[in-house]
PDB file of N, CA and C in Angstrom:
ATOM      1  N   LEU A   1     -26.818  35.021  42.575  1.00  0.00           N
ATOM      2  CA  LEU A   1     -25.803  34.468  43.438  1.00  0.00           C
ATOM      3  C   LEU A   1     -24.529  34.207  42.651  1.00  0.00           C
ATOM      4  N   MET A   2     -23.448  34.530  43.291  1.00  0.00           N
ATOM      5  CA  MET A   2     -22.159  34.220  42.675  1.00  0.00           C
ATOM      6  C   MET A   2     -21.602  32.973  43.341  1.00  0.00           C
ATOM      7  N   SER A   3     -21.187  32.063  42.526  1.00  0.00           N
ATOM      8  CA  SER A   3     -20.622  30.842  43.110  1.00  0.00           C
ATOM      9  C   SER A   3     -19.150  31.065  43.422  1.00  0.00           C
ATOM     10  N   LYS A   4     -18.700  30.340  44.400  1.00  0.00           N
ATOM     11  CA  LYS A   4     -17.291  30.412  44.766  1.00  0.00           C
ATOM     12  C   LYS A   4     -16.459  29.745  43.685  1.00  0.00           C
ATOM     13  N   PRO A   5     -15.290  30.286  43.423  1.00  0.00           N
ATOM     14  CA  PRO A   5     -14.429  29.614  42.444  1.00  0.00           C
ATOM     15  C   PRO A   5     -14.004  28.249  42.986  1.00  0.00           C
ATOM     16  N   THR A   6     -13.970  27.300  42.110  1.00  0.00           N
ATOM     17  CA  THR A   6     -13.570  25.961  42.541  1.00  0.00           C
ATOM     18  C   THR A   6     -12.052  25.847  42.498  1.00  0.00           C
ATOM     19  N   THR A   7     -11.550  25.084  43.396  1.00  0.00           N
ATOM     20  CA  THR A   7     -10.124  24.806  43.415  1.00  0.00           C
ATOM     21  C   THR A   7      -9.890  23.542  42.605  1.00  0.00           C
ATOM     22  N   ARG A   8      -8.979  23.627  41.672  1.00  0.00           N
ATOM     23  CA  ARG A   8      -8.690  22.464  40.844  1.00  0.00           C
ATOM     24  C   ARG A   8      -7.425  21.793  41.347  1.00  0.00           C
ATOM     25  N   MET A   9      -7.507  20.491  41.419  1.00  0.00           N
ATOM     26  CA  MET A   9      -6.359  19.728  41.862  1.00  0.00           C
ATOM     27  C   MET A   9      -5.895  18.868  40.688  1.00  0.00           C
ATOM     28  N   ARG A  10      -4.631  18.932  40.405  1.00  0.00           N
ATOM     29  CA  ARG A  10      -4.080  18.126  39.324  1.00  0.00           C
ATOM     30  C   ARG A  10      -3.747  16.743  39.876  1.00  0.00           C
ATOM     31  N   VAL A  11      -4.304  15.732  39.262  1.00  0.00           N
ATOM     32  CA  VAL A  11      -4.056  14.357  39.669  1.00  0.00           C
ATOM     33  C   VAL A  11      -3.161  13.714  38.626  1.00  0.00           C
ATOM     34  N   GLN A  12      -1.988  13.338  39.043  1.00  0.00           N
ATOM     35  CA  GLN A  12      -1.039  12.706  38.133  1.00  0.00           C
ATOM     36  C   GLN A  12      -1.493  11.277  37.870  1.00  0.00           C
ATOM     37  N   GLN A  13      -1.564  10.902  36.590  1.00  0.00           N
ATOM     38  CA  GLN A  13      -2.053   9.578  36.249  1.00  0.00           C
ATOM     39  C   GLN A  13      -0.993   8.507  36.427  1.00  0.00           C
ATOM     40  N   ILE A  14       0.240   8.854  36.199  1.00  0.00           N
ATOM     41  CA  ILE A  14       1.307   7.869  36.337  1.00  0.00           C
ATOM     42  C   ILE A  14       2.582   8.611  36.741  1.00  0.00           C
ATOM     43  N   ASP A  15       3.296   8.053  37.654  1.00  0.00           N
ATOM     44  CA  ASP A  15       4.535   8.676  38.114  1.00  0.00           C
ATOM     45  C   ASP A  15       5.701   7.760  37.735  1.00  0.00           C
ATOM     46  N   LEU A  16       6.179   7.918  36.507  1.00  0.00           N
ATOM     47  CA  LEU A  16       7.254   7.063  36.017  1.00  0.00           C
ATOM     48  C   LEU A  16       8.551   7.261  36.782  1.00  0.00           C
ATOM     49  N   LYS A  17       8.799   8.478  37.237  1.00  0.00           N
ATOM     50  CA  LYS A  17      10.030   8.729  37.983  1.00  0.00           C
ATOM     51  C   LYS A  17      10.039   7.940  39.295  1.00  0.00           C
ATOM     52  N   ALA A  18       8.914   7.900  39.973  1.00  0.00           N
ATOM     53  CA  ALA A  18       8.829   7.138  41.228  1.00  0.00           C
ATOM     54  C   ALA A  18       9.000   5.643  40.959  1.00  0.00           C
ATOM     55  N   GLN A  19       8.395   5.170  39.881  1.00  0.00           N
ATOM     56  CA  GLN A  19       8.536   3.759  39.538  1.00  0.00           C
ATOM     57  C   GLN A  19       9.990   3.431  39.203  1.00  0.00           C
ATOM     58  N   TYR A  20      10.627   4.305  38.421  1.00  0.00           N
ATOM     59  CA  TYR A  20      12.027   4.082  38.058  1.00  0.00           C
ATOM     60  C   TYR A  20      12.918   4.116  39.293  1.00  0.00           C
ATOM     61  N   THR A  21      12.694   5.073  40.155  1.00  0.00           N
ATOM     62  CA  THR A  21      13.506   5.200  41.364  1.00  0.00           C
ATOM     63  C   THR A  21      13.434   3.921  42.201  1.00  0.00           C
ATOM     64  N   ALA A  22      12.252   3.354  42.311  1.00  0.00           N
ATOM     65  CA  ALA A  22      12.078   2.137  43.109  1.00  0.00           C
ATOM     66  C   ALA A  22      12.815   0.944  42.498  1.00  0.00           C
ATOM     67  N   LEU A  23      12.978   0.943  41.178  1.00  0.00           N
ATOM     68  CA  LEU A  23      13.589  -0.201  40.495  1.00  0.00           C
ATOM     69  C   LEU A  23      14.919   0.122  39.833  1.00  0.00           C
ATOM     70  N   LYS A  24      15.474   1.288  40.134  1.00  0.00           N
ATOM     71  CA  LYS A  24      16.651   1.781  39.424  1.00  0.00           C
ATOM     72  C   LYS A  24      17.804   0.784  39.396  1.00  0.00           C
ATOM     73  N   THR A  25      18.163   0.208  40.511  1.00  0.00           N
ATOM     74  CA  THR A  25      19.299  -0.718  40.564  1.00  0.00           C
ATOM     75  C   THR A  25      19.063  -1.922  39.663  1.00  0.00           C
ATOM     76  N   GLU A  26      17.866  -2.485  39.743  1.00  0.00           N
ATOM     77  CA  GLU A  26      17.521  -3.657  38.931  1.00  0.00           C
ATOM     78  C   GLU A  26      17.499  -3.299  37.438  1.00  0.00           C
ATOM     79  N   ILE A  27      16.950  -2.154  37.099  1.00  0.00           N
ATOM     80  CA  ILE A  27      16.888  -1.717  35.698  1.00  0.00           C
ATOM     81  C   ILE A  27      18.282  -1.471  35.145  1.00  0.00           C
ATOM     82  N   GLN A  28      19.116  -0.788  35.912  1.00  0.00           N
ATOM     83  CA  GLN A  28      20.482  -0.498  35.457  1.00  0.00           C
ATOM     84  C   GLN A  28      21.276  -1.793  35.242  1.00  0.00           C
ATOM     85  N   ALA A  29      21.097  -2.760  36.118  1.00  0.00           N
ATOM     86  CA  ALA A  29      21.796  -4.038  35.976  1.00  0.00           C
ATOM     87  C   ALA A  29      21.338  -4.765  34.715  1.00  0.00           C
ATOM     88  N   ALA A  30      20.038  -4.746  34.446  1.00  0.00           N
ATOM     89  CA  ALA A  30      19.503  -5.405  33.242  1.00  0.00           C
ATOM     90  C   ALA A  30      20.009  -4.704  31.983  1.00  0.00           C
ATOM     91  N   LEU A  31      20.021  -3.372  31.994  1.00  0.00           N
ATOM     92  CA  LEU A  31      20.535  -2.625  30.838  1.00  0.00           C
ATOM     93  C   LEU A  31      22.004  -2.943  30.589  1.00  0.00           C
ATOM     94  N   GLN A  32      22.762  -3.036  31.651  1.00  0.00           N
ATOM     95  CA  GLN A  32      24.186  -3.362  31.508  1.00  0.00           C
ATOM     96  C   GLN A  32      24.362  -4.750  30.906  1.00  0.00           C
ATOM     97  N   ARG A  33      23.569  -5.727  31.367  1.00  0.00           N
ATOM     98  CA  ARG A  33      23.666  -7.083  30.811  1.00  0.00           C
ATOM     99  C   ARG A  33      23.334  -7.088  29.320  1.00  0.00           C
ATOM    100  N   VAL A  34      22.303  -6.364  28.931  1.00  0.00           N
ATOM    101  CA  VAL A  34      21.912  -6.316  27.520  1.00  0.00           C
ATOM    102  C   VAL A  34      23.003  -5.633  26.696  1.00  0.00           C
ATOM    103  N   CYS A  35      23.517  -4.511  27.172  1.00  0.00           N
ATOM    104  CA  CYS A  35      24.556  -3.803  26.425  1.00  0.00           C
ATOM    105  C   CYS A  35      25.826  -4.641  26.294  1.00  0.00           C
ATOM    106  N   GLU A  36      26.196  -5.338  27.344  1.00  0.00           N
ATOM    107  CA  GLU A  36      27.395  -6.165  27.285  1.00  0.00           C
ATOM    108  C   GLU A  36      27.223  -7.374  26.366  1.00  0.00           C
ATOM    109  N   SER A  37      26.039  -7.945  26.332  1.00  0.00           N
ATOM    110  CA  SER A  37      25.805  -9.123  25.484  1.00  0.00           C
ATOM    111  C   SER A  37      25.518  -8.733  24.038  1.00  0.00           C
ATOM    112  N   GLN A  38      25.060  -7.485  23.831  1.00  0.00           N
ATOM    113  CA  GLN A  38      24.653  -7.004  22.508  1.00  0.00           C
ATOM    114  C   GLN A  38      23.483  -7.812  21.947  1.00  0.00           C
ATOM    115  N   ARG A  39      22.728  -8.477  22.800  1.00  0.00           N
ATOM    116  CA  ARG A  39      21.534  -9.244  22.391  1.00  0.00           C
ATOM    117  C   ARG A  39      20.319  -8.375  22.678  1.00  0.00           C
ATOM    118  N   PHE A  40      20.033  -7.444  21.778  1.00  0.00           N
ATOM    119  CA  PHE A  40      18.948  -6.489  21.980  1.00  0.00           C
ATOM    120  C   PHE A  40      17.587  -7.090  21.631  1.00  0.00           C
ATOM    121  N   ILE A  41      17.578  -8.103  20.770  1.00  0.00           N
ATOM    122  CA  ILE A  41      16.337  -8.736  20.336  1.00  0.00           C
ATOM    123  C   ILE A  41      16.472 -10.238  20.531  1.00  0.00           C
ATOM    124  N   LEU A  42      15.456 -10.843  21.104  1.00  0.00           N
ATOM    125  CA  LEU A  42      15.397 -12.297  21.306  1.00  0.00           C
ATOM    126  C   LEU A  42      16.541 -12.847  22.152  1.00  0.00           C
ATOM    127  N   GLY A  43      17.064 -12.063  23.051  1.00  0.00           N
ATOM    128  CA  GLY A  43      18.136 -12.513  23.926  1.00  0.00           C
ATOM    129  C   GLY A  43      17.602 -13.069  25.228  1.00  0.00           C
ATOM    130  N   PRO A  44      18.498 -13.418  26.126  1.00  0.00           N
ATOM    131  CA  PRO A  44      18.090 -14.018  27.402  1.00  0.00           C
ATOM    132  C   PRO A  44      17.240 -13.090  28.267  1.00  0.00           C
ATOM    133  N   GLU A  45      17.463 -11.793  28.179  1.00  0.00           N
ATOM    134  CA  GLU A  45      16.649 -10.863  28.982  1.00  0.00           C
ATOM    135  C   GLU A  45      15.200 -10.864  28.504  1.00  0.00           C
ATOM    136  N   GLY A  46      15.011 -10.881  27.187  1.00  0.00           N
ATOM    137  CA  GLY A  46      13.659 -10.926  26.635  1.00  0.00           C
ATOM    138  C   GLY A  46      12.962 -12.232  26.972  1.00  0.00           C
ATOM    139  N   GLU A  47      13.703 -13.325  26.884  1.00  0.00           N
ATOM    140  CA  GLU A  47      13.141 -14.636  27.221  1.00  0.00           C
ATOM    141  C   GLU A  47      12.750 -14.694  28.697  1.00  0.00           C
ATOM    142  N   ALA A  48      13.594 -14.127  29.551  1.00  0.00           N
ATOM    143  CA  ALA A  48      13.286 -14.111  30.984  1.00  0.00           C
ATOM    144  C   ALA A  48      12.036 -13.271  31.250  1.00  0.00           C
ATOM    145  N   LEU A  49      11.913 -12.144  30.562  1.00  0.00           N
ATOM    146  CA  LEU A  49      10.728 -11.292  30.719  1.00  0.00           C
ATOM    147  C   LEU A  49       9.471 -12.054  30.326  1.00  0.00           C
ATOM    148  N   GLU A  50       9.526 -12.749  29.197  1.00  0.00           N
ATOM    149  CA  GLU A  50       8.359 -13.512  28.745  1.00  0.00           C
ATOM    150  C   GLU A  50       7.985 -14.599  29.750  1.00  0.00           C
ATOM    151  N   ARG A  51       8.974 -15.297  30.299  1.00  0.00           N
ATOM    152  CA  ARG A  51       8.702 -16.328  31.310  1.00  0.00           C
ATOM    153  C   ARG A  51       8.056 -15.722  32.553  1.00  0.00           C
ATOM    154  N   GLU A  52       8.619 -14.606  33.026  1.00  0.00           N
ATOM    155  CA  GLU A  52       8.085 -13.963  34.226  1.00  0.00           C
ATOM    156  C   GLU A  52       6.669 -13.445  34.001  1.00  0.00           C
ATOM    157  N   LEU A  53       6.420 -12.851  32.837  1.00  0.00           N
ATOM    158  CA  LEU A  53       5.074 -12.354  32.541  1.00  0.00           C
ATOM    159  C   LEU A  53       4.064 -13.490  32.478  1.00  0.00           C
ATOM    160  N   ALA A  54       4.447 -14.593  31.854  1.00  0.00           N
ATOM    161  CA  ALA A  54       3.554 -15.746  31.776  1.00  0.00           C
ATOM    162  C   ALA A  54       3.224 -16.252  33.178  1.00  0.00           C
ATOM    163  N   GLU A  55       4.232 -16.296  34.031  1.00  0.00           N
ATOM    164  CA  GLU A  55       4.023 -16.761  35.404  1.00  0.00           C
ATOM    165  C   GLU A  55       3.086 -15.819  36.160  1.00  0.00           C
ATOM    166  N   VAL A  56       3.338 -14.529  36.062  1.00  0.00           N
ATOM    167  CA  VAL A  56       2.511 -13.538  36.757  1.00  0.00           C
ATOM    168  C   VAL A  56       1.058 -13.594  36.270  1.00  0.00           C
ATOM    169  N   CYS A  57       0.880 -13.807  34.962  1.00  0.00           N
ATOM    170  CA  CYS A  57      -0.461 -13.836  34.373  1.00  0.00           C
ATOM    171  C   CYS A  57      -1.129 -15.199  34.493  1.00  0.00           C
ATOM    172  N   GLY A  58      -0.374 -16.191  34.942  1.00  0.00           N
ATOM    173  CA  GLY A  58      -0.934 -17.523  35.100  1.00  0.00           C
ATOM    174  C   GLY A  58      -1.264 -18.193  33.773  1.00  0.00           C
ATOM    175  N   VAL A  59      -0.434 -17.930  32.775  1.00  0.00           N
ATOM    176  CA  VAL A  59      -0.640 -18.533  31.455  1.00  0.00           C
ATOM    177  C   VAL A  59       0.596 -19.317  31.050  1.00  0.00           C
ATOM    178  N   LYS A  60       0.448 -20.114  29.998  1.00  0.00           N
ATOM    179  CA  LYS A  60       1.546 -20.961  29.542  1.00  0.00           C
ATOM    180  C   LYS A  60       2.648 -20.154  28.859  1.00  0.00           C
ATOM    181  N   HIS A  61       2.254 -19.141  28.070  1.00  0.00           N
ATOM    182  CA  HIS A  61       3.219 -18.382  27.288  1.00  0.00           C
ATOM    183  C   HIS A  61       2.889 -16.888  27.317  1.00  0.00           C
ATOM    184  N   ALA A  62       3.912 -16.071  27.187  1.00  0.00           N
ATOM    185  CA  ALA A  62       3.756 -14.627  26.985  1.00  0.00           C
ATOM    186  C   ALA A  62       4.713 -14.254  25.862  1.00  0.00           C
ATOM    187  N   ILE A  63       4.310 -13.307  25.037  1.00  0.00           N
ATOM    188  CA  ILE A  63       5.135 -12.909  23.898  1.00  0.00           C
ATOM    189  C   ILE A  63       5.436 -11.423  23.995  1.00  0.00           C
ATOM    190  N   GLY A  64       6.717 -11.084  24.001  1.00  0.00           N
ATOM    191  CA  GLY A  64       7.127  -9.683  23.998  1.00  0.00           C
ATOM    192  C   GLY A  64       6.947  -9.103  22.602  1.00  0.00           C
ATOM    193  N   CYS A  65       6.495  -7.876  22.543  1.00  0.00           N
ATOM    194  CA  CYS A  65       6.263  -7.192  21.260  1.00  0.00           C
ATOM    195  C   CYS A  65       7.033  -5.873  21.245  1.00  0.00           C
ATOM    196  N   ALA A  66       7.208  -5.334  20.052  1.00  0.00           N
ATOM    197  CA  ALA A  66       7.927  -4.070  19.905  1.00  0.00           C
ATOM    198  C   ALA A  66       7.126  -2.894  20.443  1.00  0.00           C
ATOM    199  N   SER A  67       5.802  -3.011  20.433  1.00  0.00           N
ATOM    200  CA  SER A  67       4.962  -1.894  20.878  1.00  0.00           C
ATOM    201  C   SER A  67       3.585  -2.415  21.273  1.00  0.00           C
ATOM    202  N   GLY A  68       2.829  -1.553  21.915  1.00  0.00           N
ATOM    203  CA  GLY A  68       1.450  -1.898  22.242  1.00  0.00           C
ATOM    204  C   GLY A  68       0.618  -2.090  20.991  1.00  0.00           C
ATOM    205  N   SER A  69       0.920  -1.328  19.949  1.00  0.00           N
ATOM    206  CA  SER A  69       0.194  -1.477  18.679  1.00  0.00           C
ATOM    207  C   SER A  69       0.442  -2.864  18.095  1.00  0.00           C
ATOM    208  N   ASP A  70       1.688  -3.330  18.143  1.00  0.00           N
ATOM    209  CA  ASP A  70       2.000  -4.679  17.663  1.00  0.00           C
ATOM    210  C   ASP A  70       1.256  -5.728  18.485  1.00  0.00           C
ATOM    211  N   ALA A  71       1.190  -5.529  19.780  1.00  0.00           N
ATOM    212  CA  ALA A  71       0.496  -6.482  20.644  1.00  0.00           C
ATOM    213  C   ALA A  71      -0.988  -6.542  20.289  1.00  0.00           C
ATOM    214  N   LEU A  72      -1.585  -5.379  20.058  1.00  0.00           N
ATOM    215  CA  LEU A  72      -2.996  -5.357  19.673  1.00  0.00           C
ATOM    216  C   LEU A  72      -3.207  -6.043  18.327  1.00  0.00           C
ATOM    217  N   LEU A  73      -2.342  -5.742  17.359  1.00  0.00           N
ATOM    218  CA  LEU A  73      -2.465  -6.341  16.035  1.00  0.00           C
ATOM    219  C   LEU A  73      -2.337  -7.863  16.108  1.00  0.00           C
ATOM    220  N   LEU A  74      -1.325  -8.357  16.840  1.00  0.00           N
ATOM    221  CA  LEU A  74      -1.154  -9.801  16.988  1.00  0.00           C
ATOM    222  C   LEU A  74      -2.384 -10.446  17.625  1.00  0.00           C
ATOM    223  N   SER A  75      -2.918  -9.789  18.632  1.00  0.00           N
ATOM    224  CA  SER A  75      -4.103 -10.320  19.312  1.00  0.00           C
ATOM    225  C   SER A  75      -5.297 -10.375  18.369  1.00  0.00           C
ATOM    226  N   LEU A  76      -5.515  -9.299  17.624  1.00  0.00           N
ATOM    227  CA  LEU A  76      -6.653  -9.247  16.707  1.00  0.00           C
ATOM    228  C   LEU A  76      -6.522 -10.278  15.588  1.00  0.00           C
ATOM    229  N   VAL A  77      -5.329 -10.416  15.038  1.00  0.00           N
ATOM    230  CA  VAL A  77      -5.101 -11.405  13.980  1.00  0.00           C
ATOM    231  C   VAL A  77      -5.321 -12.815  14.523  1.00  0.00           C
ATOM    232  N   THR A  78      -4.804 -13.087  15.720  1.00  0.00           N
ATOM    233  CA  THR A  78      -4.950 -14.400  16.340  1.00  0.00           C
ATOM    234  C   THR A  78      -6.422 -14.745  16.566  1.00  0.00           C
ATOM    235  N   LEU A  79      -7.211 -13.733  16.918  1.00  0.00           N
ATOM    236  CA  LEU A  79      -8.640 -13.957  17.158  1.00  0.00           C
ATOM    237  C   LEU A  79      -9.451 -14.010  15.867  1.00  0.00           C
ATOM    238  N   GLY A  80      -8.800 -13.734  14.738  1.00  0.00           N
ATOM    239  CA  GLY A  80      -9.499 -13.786  13.460  1.00  0.00           C
ATOM    240  C   GLY A  80     -10.326 -12.554  13.152  1.00  0.00           C
ATOM    241  N   VAL A  81     -10.033 -11.451  13.816  1.00  0.00           N
ATOM    242  CA  VAL A  81     -10.758 -10.202  13.552  1.00  0.00           C
ATOM    243  C   VAL A  81     -10.360  -9.699  12.173  1.00  0.00           C
ATOM    244  N   SER A  82     -11.354  -9.287  11.405  1.00  0.00           N
ATOM    245  CA  SER A  82     -11.078  -8.828  10.045  1.00  0.00           C
ATOM    246  C   SER A  82     -11.822  -7.524   9.778  1.00  0.00           C
ATOM    247  N   PRO A  83     -11.527  -6.875   8.649  1.00  0.00           N
ATOM    248  CA  PRO A  83     -12.220  -5.617   8.326  1.00  0.00           C
ATOM    249  C   PRO A  83     -13.734  -5.786   8.402  1.00  0.00           C
ATOM    250  N   GLY A  84     -14.370  -4.811   9.035  1.00  0.00           N
ATOM    251  CA  GLY A  84     -15.818  -4.847   9.214  1.00  0.00           C
ATOM    252  C   GLY A  84     -16.243  -5.353  10.571  1.00  0.00           C
ATOM    253  N   ASP A  85     -15.346  -6.028  11.294  1.00  0.00           N
ATOM    254  CA  ASP A  85     -15.661  -6.495  12.643  1.00  0.00           C
ATOM    255  C   ASP A  85     -15.582  -5.325  13.615  1.00  0.00           C
ATOM    256  N   ALA A  86     -16.393  -5.370  14.643  1.00  0.00           N
ATOM    257  CA  ALA A  86     -16.370  -4.328  15.669  1.00  0.00           C
ATOM    258  C   ALA A  86     -15.356  -4.696  16.743  1.00  0.00           C
ATOM    259  N   VAL A  87     -14.551  -3.718  17.131  1.00  0.00           N
ATOM    260  CA  VAL A  87     -13.583  -3.902  18.207  1.00  0.00           C
ATOM    261  C   VAL A  87     -13.814  -2.780  19.209  1.00  0.00           C
ATOM    262  N   ILE A  88     -14.072  -3.154  20.440  1.00  0.00           N
ATOM    263  CA  ILE A  88     -14.365  -2.166  21.484  1.00  0.00           C
ATOM    264  C   ILE A  88     -13.204  -2.160  22.467  1.00  0.00           C
ATOM    265  N   THR A  89     -12.659  -0.983  22.727  1.00  0.00           N
ATOM    266  CA  THR A  89     -11.569  -0.848  23.688  1.00  0.00           C
ATOM    267  C   THR A  89     -11.968   0.145  24.764  1.00  0.00           C
ATOM    268  N   VAL A  90     -11.131   0.283  25.746  1.00  0.00           N
ATOM    269  CA  VAL A  90     -11.376   1.273  26.796  1.00  0.00           C
ATOM    270  C   VAL A  90     -11.185   2.669  26.208  1.00  0.00           C
ATOM    271  N   PRO A  91     -11.900   3.670  26.710  1.00  0.00           N
ATOM    272  CA  PRO A  91     -11.774   5.001  26.137  1.00  0.00           C
ATOM    273  C   PRO A  91     -10.466   5.710  26.496  1.00  0.00           C
ATOM    274  N   PHE A  92      -9.836   5.300  27.585  1.00  0.00           N
ATOM    275  CA  PHE A  92      -8.600   5.952  27.986  1.00  0.00           C
ATOM    276  C   PHE A  92      -7.448   5.049  27.604  1.00  0.00           C
ATOM    277  N   THR A  93      -6.881   5.306  26.448  1.00  0.00           N
ATOM    278  CA  THR A  93      -5.829   4.442  25.934  1.00  0.00           C
ATOM    279  C   THR A  93      -4.964   5.239  24.969  1.00  0.00           C
ATOM    280  N   PHE A  94      -3.974   4.599  24.422  1.00  0.00           N
ATOM    281  CA  PHE A  94      -3.088   5.225  23.448  1.00  0.00           C
ATOM    282  C   PHE A  94      -3.836   5.482  22.155  1.00  0.00           C
ATOM    283  N   PHE A  95      -3.527   6.559  21.464  1.00  0.00           N
ATOM    284  CA  PHE A  95      -4.288   6.963  20.269  1.00  0.00           C
ATOM    285  C   PHE A  95      -4.295   5.922  19.164  1.00  0.00           C
ATOM    286  N   ALA A  96      -3.287   5.075  19.085  1.00  0.00           N
ATOM    287  CA  ALA A  96      -3.218   4.094  18.007  1.00  0.00           C
ATOM    288  C   ALA A  96      -4.282   3.016  18.121  1.00  0.00           C
ATOM    289  N   THR A  97      -4.827   2.811  19.313  1.00  0.00           N
ATOM    290  CA  THR A  97      -5.837   1.777  19.468  1.00  0.00           C
ATOM    291  C   THR A  97      -7.179   2.273  19.000  1.00  0.00           C
TER     292      THR A  97
END
């Protein structure tokens, strides 16, 4: 018996263009505020982001990091993870984890 060829459907995992389009006005306004203030690090926009994230997550504080790798490192150090300890993450993630 010959099996029928299967039809493959490509499933997009994330649609950044759609997300950007939905928030374009808000993003452009925030970028303009940052560029005009020249406060690229530790400025009011970053502080506002941390406050909003803490509120959304229902926690007292949130800390913005330069990258996901930095966030993971800070978390592991805070938890006291050291060489030889096992760390289990999800299999679908960024290669640095």
